[in-house]
Amino acid sequence: MIGTRAPSAAAFAAVLLVGTSALAPAQDMRQDRPGQFDFYVLSLSWSPSFCAEAAERGGRSGGAQCGARPYSFVVHGLWPQYVKGFPEYCQVPSPRLYHGIVSEMLDLMPAPRLIYNEWDKHGTCSGLSPQAYFETVRNARAAVKIPPEYLDLQQPLNVTPGAVTDAFIKANPGLGPNGIAVGCDNKRLTEVRLCLAKDLQFQDCTEIARRSCRRDQLIMPPVRGG
């Protein structure tokens, strides 16, 4: 009987590889490649909550940001993101981060260890040099206005995630409800995450926004000295 010859193992593997590649999401093809991402997330941590949590745990001073200076929102990080997921540790070992850059960033990120960690995990995925990345962090922070009611909080404030979202939207033209997420622990507001395009304009990010805190009430502890 005359029939077609069965494909060789090599040919079958090639067909399987092509089929698998066609089904693989675009994100996987650029996973952890420096500069290959869609947008940034700027994470602003409410420092008084961090310090309150550190004090409750005991044995943790919280570092410099829990000292005498009255920190409010501080920069946790500027994170390259995919539409779904995110890259991390894109260069191992990471390019050297000079002490001078760290010192320059302490006004926004008051913990040297945090600055080093953010560079290793997230900054290396930006495709930028250390100097350029941290300049971008500074520019991103400057692009966001903190609502005036949170600038010098002197007493504990009860808030809802929705109220915090609305306050940031009101203070930042161009920011929409799908471009922000509020973070919390079991009782306190911990951070606010805002999505920024590569040119640092506000943009929507549904996957980030849908993970916003869903608690009914949160506490914002006052700044130190408040």
Protein backbone atom coordinates (compact mmCIF):
# COMPACT_ATOMS: atom_id res chain seq x y z
CA MET A 1 0.00 0.00 0.00
CA ILE A 2 1.33 3.39 -0.98
CA GLY A 3 1.03 6.04 1.73
CA THR A 4 2.63 9.14 3.07
CA ARG A 5 5.78 8.70 5.05
CA ALA A 6 5.53 9.52 8.73
CA PRO A 7 7.35 12.73 9.63
CA SER A 8 10.72 12.33 11.24
CA ALA A 9 11.18 13.13 14.91
CA ALA A 10 13.12 16.27 13.99
CA ALA A 11 10.36 17.49 11.68
CA PHE A 12 7.72 16.83 14.33
CA ALA A 13 9.74 18.77 16.90
CA ALA A 14 10.08 21.70 14.51
CA VAL A 15 6.33 21.79 13.91
CA LEU A 16 5.69 21.61 17.65
CA LEU A 17 8.12 24.45 18.30
CA VAL A 18 6.47 26.70 15.71
CA GLY A 19 3.03 25.94 17.11
CA THR A 20 4.13 26.61 20.66
CA SER A 21 5.77 29.91 19.68
CA ALA A 22 2.62 31.04 17.92
CA LEU A 23 0.59 30.42 21.06
CA ALA A 24 3.06 31.99 23.49
CA PRO A 25 2.07 35.45 24.73
CA ALA A 26 4.18 38.37 23.58
CA GLN A 27 5.18 39.04 27.17
CA ASP A 28 7.06 35.75 27.37
CA MET A 29 9.18 36.63 24.34
CA ARG A 30 10.58 39.71 26.08
CA GLN A 31 10.52 38.44 29.65
CA ASP A 32 13.17 40.17 31.78
CA ARG A 33 14.78 41.93 28.80
CA PRO A 34 16.01 45.42 29.77
CA GLY A 35 13.90 48.19 28.27
CA GLN A 36 11.21 45.80 26.99
CA PHE A 37 8.11 46.80 28.96
CA ASP A 38 4.85 48.70 28.53
CA PHE A 39 4.59 51.28 31.31
CA TYR A 40 5.72 52.20 34.82
CA VAL A 41 4.08 51.89 38.22
CA LEU A 42 5.11 54.57 40.69
CA SER A 43 4.59 53.25 44.21
CA LEU A 44 4.27 55.86 46.96
CA SER A 45 4.46 54.43 50.47
CA TRP A 46 2.71 56.16 53.38
CA SER A 47 5.71 56.32 55.71
CA PRO A 48 3.76 56.69 59.00
CA SER A 49 2.05 53.35 58.35
CA PHE A 50 5.39 51.69 57.68
CA CYS A 51 6.77 53.06 60.95
CA ALA A 52 3.66 52.08 62.92
CA GLU A 53 3.90 48.52 61.60
CA ALA A 54 7.62 48.40 62.43
CA ALA A 55 6.94 49.57 65.99
CA GLU A 56 4.22 46.97 66.48
CA ARG A 57 6.52 44.16 65.43
CA GLY A 58 9.13 45.25 67.95
CA GLY A 59 12.85 45.07 67.40
CA ARG A 60 12.50 46.88 64.07
CA SER A 61 13.36 50.56 64.15
CA GLY A 62 12.11 51.14 60.62
CA GLY A 63 15.37 52.86 59.72
CA ALA A 64 16.00 56.50 58.88
CA GLN A 65 12.49 57.25 57.71
CA CYS A 66 11.16 56.54 61.19
CA GLY A 67 13.48 59.04 62.84
CA ALA A 68 12.87 62.68 63.64
CA ARG A 69 12.09 63.86 60.11
CA PRO A 70 8.32 63.87 59.44
CA TYR A 71 8.09 61.79 56.26
CA SER A 72 4.67 61.40 54.64
CA PHE A 73 4.52 59.78 51.18
CA VAL A 74 7.92 58.44 50.13
CA VAL A 75 8.89 56.65 46.94
CA HIS A 76 8.87 52.89 47.30
CA GLY A 77 9.82 52.32 43.68
CA LEU A 78 9.30 52.93 39.98
CA TRP A 79 8.55 49.57 38.41
CA PRO A 80 8.56 48.64 34.71
CA GLN A 81 5.41 46.66 33.94
CA TYR A 82 3.87 44.55 31.20
CA VAL A 83 0.16 44.79 30.53
CA LYS A 84 0.07 41.54 32.50
CA GLY A 85 2.94 40.82 34.85
CA PHE A 86 6.28 42.51 35.19
CA PRO A 87 9.98 41.93 34.58
CA GLU A 88 12.52 41.72 37.38
CA TYR A 89 16.26 41.27 37.91
CA CYS A 90 16.96 41.91 34.23
CA GLN A 91 20.75 42.13 34.65
CA VAL A 92 22.57 39.78 37.00
CA PRO A 93 24.91 40.96 38.33
CA SER A 94 23.42 44.43 38.04
CA PRO A 95 25.50 47.41 36.87
CA ARG A 96 27.19 49.11 39.78
CA LEU A 97 25.18 51.68 41.68
CA TYR A 98 27.50 54.40 42.95
CA HIS A 99 27.16 55.76 46.47
CA GLY A 100 26.71 59.30 45.17
CA ILE A 101 23.49 58.34 43.37
CA VAL A 102 22.17 56.68 46.52
CA SER A 103 22.91 59.80 48.58
CA GLU A 104 21.11 62.00 46.07
CA MET A 105 17.94 59.89 46.33
CA LEU A 106 17.59 59.81 50.10
CA ASP A 107 15.20 62.75 50.13
CA LEU A 108 12.66 60.67 48.17
CA MET A 109 13.65 57.13 49.20
CA PRO A 110 14.97 57.42 52.77
CA ALA A 111 16.64 54.01 53.02
CA PRO A 112 19.87 53.10 51.21
CA ARG A 113 19.02 49.39 51.25
CA LEU A 114 15.70 50.13 49.53
CA ILE A 115 17.47 52.12 46.81
CA TYR A 116 19.94 49.32 46.11
CA ASN A 117 17.18 46.70 46.08
CA GLU A 118 14.97 48.74 43.78
CA TRP A 119 17.81 49.17 41.31
CA ASP A 120 18.67 45.46 41.29
CA LYS A 121 15.08 44.23 40.95
CA HIS A 122 13.36 46.95 38.92
CA GLY A 123 15.82 49.57 37.71
CA THR A 124 17.82 47.06 35.70
CA CYS A 125 14.67 46.33 33.68
CA SER A 126 14.26 49.95 32.60
CA GLY A 127 17.02 49.78 30.00
CA LEU A 128 18.49 52.95 31.54
CA SER A 129 21.78 53.65 33.25
CA PRO A 130 21.65 54.02 37.05
CA GLN A 131 21.88 57.81 36.78
CA ALA A 132 19.16 58.01 34.12
CA TYR A 133 16.88 55.60 35.97
CA PHE A 134 16.96 57.52 39.22
CA GLU A 135 16.50 60.79 37.34
CA THR A 136 13.36 59.16 35.91
CA VAL A 137 12.27 58.19 39.43
CA ARG A 138 12.63 61.82 40.50
CA ASN A 139 10.76 63.09 37.45
CA ALA A 140 7.97 60.55 38.00
CA ARG A 141 7.57 61.69 41.60
CA ALA A 142 7.49 65.32 40.46
CA ALA A 143 4.70 64.46 37.99
CA VAL A 144 2.38 63.45 40.84
CA LYS A 145 0.74 65.98 43.15
CA ILE A 146 -0.11 64.78 46.64
CA PRO A 147 -3.63 65.84 47.67
CA PRO A 148 -3.34 68.81 50.04
CA GLU A 149 -5.21 67.06 52.84
CA TYR A 150 -2.38 64.49 53.07
CA LEU A 151 0.59 66.87 52.94
CA ASP A 152 0.91 67.58 56.68
CA LEU A 153 -1.32 65.14 58.50
CA GLN A 154 -1.28 66.06 62.18
CA GLN A 155 -3.90 63.63 63.49
CA PRO A 156 -4.90 60.07 62.55
CA LEU A 157 -7.29 60.17 59.61
CA ASN A 158 -9.99 57.63 58.79
CA VAL A 159 -10.33 57.18 55.04
CA THR A 160 -11.81 54.80 52.50
CA PRO A 161 -9.87 53.51 49.49
CA GLY A 162 -12.38 55.27 47.27
CA ALA A 163 -11.86 58.61 49.02
CA VAL A 164 -8.09 58.34 48.60
CA THR A 165 -8.51 57.47 44.93
CA ASP A 166 -10.85 60.43 44.41
CA ALA A 167 -8.46 62.80 46.19
CA PHE A 168 -5.55 61.81 43.94
CA ILE A 169 -7.70 62.06 40.81
CA LYS A 170 -8.84 65.54 41.82
CA ALA A 171 -5.26 66.68 42.45
CA ASN A 172 -3.88 65.17 39.23
CA PRO A 173 -5.60 66.09 35.94
CA GLY A 174 -5.32 63.20 33.50
CA LEU A 175 -5.37 60.52 36.19
CA GLY A 176 -8.42 58.24 36.02
CA PRO A 177 -9.88 55.59 38.34
CA ASN A 178 -8.31 52.82 36.23
CA GLY A 179 -4.83 54.29 36.65
CA ILE A 180 -4.47 54.08 40.43
CA ALA A 181 -4.54 51.45 43.18
CA VAL A 182 -4.62 51.93 46.95
CA GLY A 183 -2.66 49.48 49.10
CA CYS A 184 -3.49 48.52 52.67
CA ASP A 185 -2.74 46.09 55.46
CA ASN A 186 -5.42 44.87 57.84
CA LYS A 187 -6.17 48.37 59.13
CA ARG A 188 -3.94 51.04 57.59
CA LEU A 189 -3.35 52.66 54.22
CA THR A 190 0.12 51.54 53.18
CA GLU A 191 0.70 52.90 49.67
CA VAL A 192 -0.71 54.40 46.52
CA ARG A 193 0.32 53.04 43.11
CA LEU A 194 -0.03 55.17 40.00
CA CYS A 195 0.48 54.04 36.41
CA LEU A 196 2.61 56.18 34.12
CA ALA A 197 3.50 55.81 30.46
CA LYS A 198 7.17 55.83 29.52
CA ASP A 199 6.87 59.58 28.98
CA LEU A 200 5.50 59.80 32.56
CA GLN A 201 1.97 60.76 31.54
CA PHE A 202 -0.84 59.09 33.47
CA GLN A 203 -2.34 56.03 31.85
CA ASP A 204 -4.89 53.33 32.63
CA CYS A 205 -3.73 49.96 33.95
CA THR A 206 -6.72 47.76 34.63
CA GLU A 207 -4.73 44.85 36.07
CA ILE A 208 -3.13 47.13 38.66
CA ALA A 209 -6.29 49.08 39.50
CA ARG A 210 -8.41 45.98 40.10
CA ARG A 211 -6.06 44.93 42.91
CA SER A 212 -6.82 48.07 44.93
CA CYS A 213 -7.68 47.65 48.63
CA ARG A 214 -11.29 46.67 49.25
CA ARG A 215 -11.54 47.38 52.99
CA ASP A 216 -14.34 49.68 54.11
CA GLN A 217 -12.22 51.87 56.38
CA LEU A 218 -8.51 52.57 56.73
CA ILE A 219 -6.39 54.62 59.10
CA MET A 220 -3.69 57.01 57.96
CA PRO A 221 -1.40 57.55 60.97
CA PRO A 222 -0.11 61.13 61.26
CA VAL A 223 3.40 62.14 60.29
CA ARG A 224 5.97 61.96 63.07
CA GLY A 225 5.54 64.86 65.43
CA GLY A 226 1.91 65.20 64.42
